[in-house]
Amino acid sequence: MNPRVKSVRAIDNYKLELVFTNGERGIYDCSHLLDFGVFRELSDKYYFNLVKPLYGTVAWPHEQDICPDTLYLDSQKEIA
């Protein structure tokens, strides 16, 4: 099983700064999601910034979420 999200912070250009349960850090770009269904609401920057960690993944108030495996596998890992 891949690590899960421990903490999240919204940063510029619809990206999420993530810390995973194994201590790794990564940046996940959400911009490719903004034209699809329930994710369209994320294009509102105020709303995008409301992201919170929830049960090992990230979620927004209207229940949009992203698979935790996708967040881990597709995030650009930061090198310490």
N, C-alpha and C. Protein backbone atom coordinates (compact mmCIF):
# COMPACT_ATOMS: atom_id res chain seq x y z
N MET A 1 0.85 -1.19 0.00
CA MET A 1 0.00 0.00 0.00
C MET A 1 0.89 1.24 0.00
N ASN A 2 0.53 2.20 -0.80
CA ASN A 2 1.26 3.46 -0.85
C ASN A 2 1.00 4.29 0.40
N PRO A 3 1.93 5.19 0.73
CA PRO A 3 1.71 6.09 1.86
C PRO A 3 0.47 6.95 1.63
N ARG A 4 -0.08 7.44 2.71
CA ARG A 4 -1.26 8.29 2.66
C ARG A 4 -0.88 9.72 2.99
N VAL A 5 -1.79 10.64 2.74
CA VAL A 5 -1.56 12.06 2.99
C VAL A 5 -1.69 12.34 4.49
N LYS A 6 -0.66 12.98 5.00
CA LYS A 6 -0.64 13.39 6.41
C LYS A 6 -1.07 14.85 6.55
N SER A 7 -0.58 15.70 5.62
CA SER A 7 -0.98 17.11 5.63
C SER A 7 -0.96 17.64 4.20
N VAL A 8 -1.71 18.73 4.01
CA VAL A 8 -1.83 19.33 2.67
C VAL A 8 -1.92 20.84 2.82
N ARG A 9 -1.37 21.52 1.82
CA ARG A 9 -1.46 22.97 1.75
C ARG A 9 -1.62 23.35 0.29
N ALA A 10 -2.62 24.18 -0.01
CA ALA A 10 -2.81 24.68 -1.37
C ALA A 10 -1.74 25.73 -1.65
N ILE A 11 -1.12 25.65 -2.83
CA ILE A 11 -0.12 26.63 -3.23
C ILE A 11 -0.52 27.17 -4.61
N ASP A 12 0.30 28.03 -5.18
CA ASP A 12 -0.02 28.69 -6.44
C ASP A 12 -0.29 27.71 -7.58
N ASN A 13 -1.04 28.20 -8.56
CA ASN A 13 -1.31 27.49 -9.81
C ASN A 13 -2.02 26.15 -9.63
N TYR A 14 -2.94 26.10 -8.68
CA TYR A 14 -3.76 24.91 -8.43
C TYR A 14 -2.92 23.68 -8.11
N LYS A 15 -1.91 23.89 -7.28
CA LYS A 15 -1.07 22.78 -6.84
C LYS A 15 -1.25 22.56 -5.35
N LEU A 16 -1.01 21.32 -4.94
CA LEU A 16 -1.08 20.95 -3.54
C LEU A 16 0.30 20.53 -3.06
N GLU A 17 0.69 21.07 -1.93
CA GLU A 17 1.93 20.65 -1.28
C GLU A 17 1.53 19.58 -0.25
N LEU A 18 2.06 18.40 -0.42
CA LEU A 18 1.64 17.24 0.37
C LEU A 18 2.78 16.72 1.24
N VAL A 19 2.43 16.25 2.43
CA VAL A 19 3.34 15.48 3.27
C VAL A 19 2.67 14.13 3.47
N PHE A 20 3.42 13.07 3.17
CA PHE A 20 2.88 11.72 3.26
C PHE A 20 3.27 11.05 4.58
N THR A 21 2.59 9.98 4.91
CA THR A 21 2.82 9.30 6.18
C THR A 21 4.21 8.69 6.30
N ASN A 22 4.92 8.53 5.20
CA ASN A 22 6.29 8.01 5.25
C ASN A 22 7.32 9.14 5.35
N GLY A 23 6.86 10.39 5.47
CA GLY A 23 7.74 11.54 5.60
C GLY A 23 8.10 12.20 4.28
N GLU A 24 7.78 11.57 3.16
CA GLU A 24 8.07 12.18 1.86
C GLU A 24 7.17 13.39 1.64
N ARG A 25 7.68 14.32 0.85
CA ARG A 25 6.92 15.51 0.47
C ARG A 25 6.77 15.53 -1.04
N GLY A 26 5.65 16.04 -1.51
CA GLY A 26 5.43 16.11 -2.94
C GLY A 26 4.51 17.25 -3.32
N ILE A 27 4.54 17.57 -4.60
CA ILE A 27 3.66 18.59 -5.17
C ILE A 27 2.77 17.91 -6.20
N TYR A 28 1.45 18.06 -6.03
CA TYR A 28 0.50 17.48 -6.98
C TYR A 28 -0.21 18.62 -7.70
N ASP A 29 -0.18 18.59 -9.01
CA ASP A 29 -0.80 19.62 -9.86
C ASP A 29 -2.24 19.21 -10.17
N CYS A 30 -3.19 20.01 -9.71
CA CYS A 30 -4.62 19.73 -9.93
C CYS A 30 -5.17 20.42 -11.18
N SER A 31 -4.37 21.19 -11.87
CA SER A 31 -4.90 22.01 -12.97
C SER A 31 -5.57 21.19 -14.06
N HIS A 32 -5.12 19.96 -14.28
CA HIS A 32 -5.73 19.12 -15.32
C HIS A 32 -7.13 18.64 -14.95
N LEU A 33 -7.54 18.81 -13.69
CA LEU A 33 -8.86 18.36 -13.24
C LEU A 33 -9.94 19.43 -13.38
N LEU A 34 -9.55 20.67 -13.56
CA LEU A 34 -10.47 21.80 -13.43
C LEU A 34 -11.58 21.85 -14.47
N ASP A 35 -11.47 21.10 -15.55
CA ASP A 35 -12.50 21.10 -16.59
C ASP A 35 -13.44 19.90 -16.50
N PHE A 36 -13.33 19.10 -15.44
CA PHE A 36 -14.08 17.86 -15.35
C PHE A 36 -15.09 17.86 -14.20
N GLY A 37 -16.35 17.68 -14.52
CA GLY A 37 -17.43 17.44 -13.58
C GLY A 37 -17.33 18.17 -12.26
N VAL A 38 -17.33 17.40 -11.18
CA VAL A 38 -17.34 17.98 -9.84
C VAL A 38 -16.10 18.79 -9.53
N PHE A 39 -15.03 18.59 -10.28
CA PHE A 39 -13.79 19.31 -10.01
C PHE A 39 -13.80 20.74 -10.56
N ARG A 40 -14.77 21.09 -11.39
CA ARG A 40 -14.84 22.44 -11.94
C ARG A 40 -14.88 23.50 -10.84
N GLU A 41 -15.51 23.15 -9.73
CA GLU A 41 -15.64 24.09 -8.61
C GLU A 41 -14.26 24.47 -8.04
N LEU A 42 -13.27 23.62 -8.25
CA LEU A 42 -11.93 23.89 -7.73
C LEU A 42 -11.26 25.06 -8.46
N SER A 43 -11.78 25.47 -9.60
CA SER A 43 -11.19 26.59 -10.32
C SER A 43 -11.37 27.92 -9.58
N ASP A 44 -12.30 27.95 -8.62
CA ASP A 44 -12.44 29.11 -7.73
C ASP A 44 -11.29 29.01 -6.71
N LYS A 45 -10.35 29.94 -6.79
CA LYS A 45 -9.15 29.85 -5.96
C LYS A 45 -9.48 29.86 -4.46
N TYR A 46 -10.48 30.64 -4.06
CA TYR A 46 -10.87 30.64 -2.65
C TYR A 46 -11.30 29.24 -2.23
N TYR A 47 -12.14 28.62 -3.03
CA TYR A 47 -12.62 27.27 -2.73
C TYR A 47 -11.46 26.26 -2.78
N PHE A 48 -10.60 26.37 -3.76
CA PHE A 48 -9.45 25.45 -3.87
C PHE A 48 -8.63 25.47 -2.58
N ASN A 49 -8.47 26.66 -2.01
CA ASN A 49 -7.67 26.80 -0.79
C ASN A 49 -8.31 26.18 0.45
N LEU A 50 -9.54 25.73 0.36
CA LEU A 50 -10.22 25.11 1.49
C LEU A 50 -9.88 23.62 1.65
N VAL A 51 -8.96 23.11 0.87
CA VAL A 51 -8.57 21.70 0.92
C VAL A 51 -8.07 21.32 2.31
N LYS A 52 -8.41 20.10 2.74
CA LYS A 52 -8.00 19.56 4.03
C LYS A 52 -7.61 18.10 3.85
N PRO A 53 -6.72 17.59 4.71
CA PRO A 53 -6.47 16.14 4.70
C PRO A 53 -7.68 15.43 5.31
N LEU A 54 -8.03 14.28 4.77
CA LEU A 54 -9.18 13.53 5.27
C LEU A 54 -8.98 12.05 5.00
N TYR A 55 -8.85 11.26 6.04
CA TYR A 55 -8.72 9.80 5.92
C TYR A 55 -7.64 9.38 4.93
N GLY A 56 -6.49 10.05 4.98
CA GLY A 56 -5.37 9.65 4.14
C GLY A 56 -5.34 10.24 2.75
N THR A 57 -6.31 11.06 2.43
CA THR A 57 -6.33 11.73 1.13
C THR A 57 -6.59 13.22 1.35
N VAL A 58 -7.01 13.92 0.32
CA VAL A 58 -7.38 15.33 0.44
C VAL A 58 -8.84 15.47 0.01
N ALA A 59 -9.52 16.47 0.60
CA ALA A 59 -10.93 16.68 0.25
C ALA A 59 -11.28 18.15 0.42
N TRP A 60 -12.33 18.55 -0.29
CA TRP A 60 -12.86 19.90 -0.22
C TRP A 60 -14.25 19.82 0.40
N PRO A 61 -14.81 20.96 0.83
CA PRO A 61 -16.10 20.94 1.55
C PRO A 61 -17.27 20.26 0.84
N HIS A 62 -17.31 20.31 -0.49
CA HIS A 62 -18.42 19.68 -1.20
C HIS A 62 -18.09 18.25 -1.64
N GLU A 63 -17.15 17.65 -0.91
CA GLU A 63 -16.80 16.23 -1.01
C GLU A 63 -16.01 15.84 -2.25
N GLN A 64 -15.42 16.79 -2.95
CA GLN A 64 -14.47 16.41 -4.00
C GLN A 64 -13.24 15.82 -3.30
N ASP A 65 -12.73 14.75 -3.84
CA ASP A 65 -11.50 14.17 -3.31
C ASP A 65 -10.70 13.54 -4.44
N ILE A 66 -9.46 13.19 -4.14
CA ILE A 66 -8.57 12.58 -5.12
C ILE A 66 -8.01 11.31 -4.50
N CYS A 67 -7.96 10.26 -5.26
CA CYS A 67 -7.45 8.98 -4.79
C CYS A 67 -6.08 9.16 -4.14
N PRO A 68 -5.87 8.65 -2.93
CA PRO A 68 -4.57 8.82 -2.28
C PRO A 68 -3.42 8.17 -3.05
N ASP A 69 -3.68 7.07 -3.74
CA ASP A 69 -2.63 6.45 -4.54
C ASP A 69 -2.23 7.36 -5.70
N THR A 70 -3.20 8.01 -6.32
CA THR A 70 -2.91 8.96 -7.40
C THR A 70 -2.07 10.11 -6.87
N LEU A 71 -2.43 10.64 -5.70
CA LEU A 71 -1.67 11.74 -5.13
C LEU A 71 -0.21 11.34 -4.90
N TYR A 72 -0.01 10.13 -4.39
CA TYR A 72 1.36 9.70 -4.12
C TYR A 72 2.13 9.40 -5.40
N LEU A 73 1.54 8.61 -6.27
CA LEU A 73 2.25 8.17 -7.47
C LEU A 73 2.50 9.30 -8.47
N ASP A 74 1.57 10.25 -8.57
CA ASP A 74 1.66 11.31 -9.57
C ASP A 74 2.23 12.62 -9.04
N SER A 75 2.57 12.68 -7.78
CA SER A 75 3.13 13.93 -7.25
C SER A 75 4.63 14.01 -7.56
N GLN A 76 5.07 15.24 -7.75
CA GLN A 76 6.49 15.52 -7.96
C GLN A 76 7.13 15.51 -6.57
N LYS A 77 7.98 14.54 -6.30
CA LYS A 77 8.58 14.42 -4.98
C LYS A 77 9.68 15.45 -4.80
N GLU A 78 9.71 16.01 -3.60
CA GLU A 78 10.74 16.98 -3.25
C GLU A 78 11.96 16.22 -2.75
N ILE A 79 13.11 16.64 -3.17
CA ILE A 79 14.36 16.00 -2.74
C ILE A 79 14.89 16.78 -1.55
N ALA A 80 15.14 16.05 -0.47
CA ALA A 80 15.63 16.69 0.77
C ALA A 80 17.09 17.08 0.66
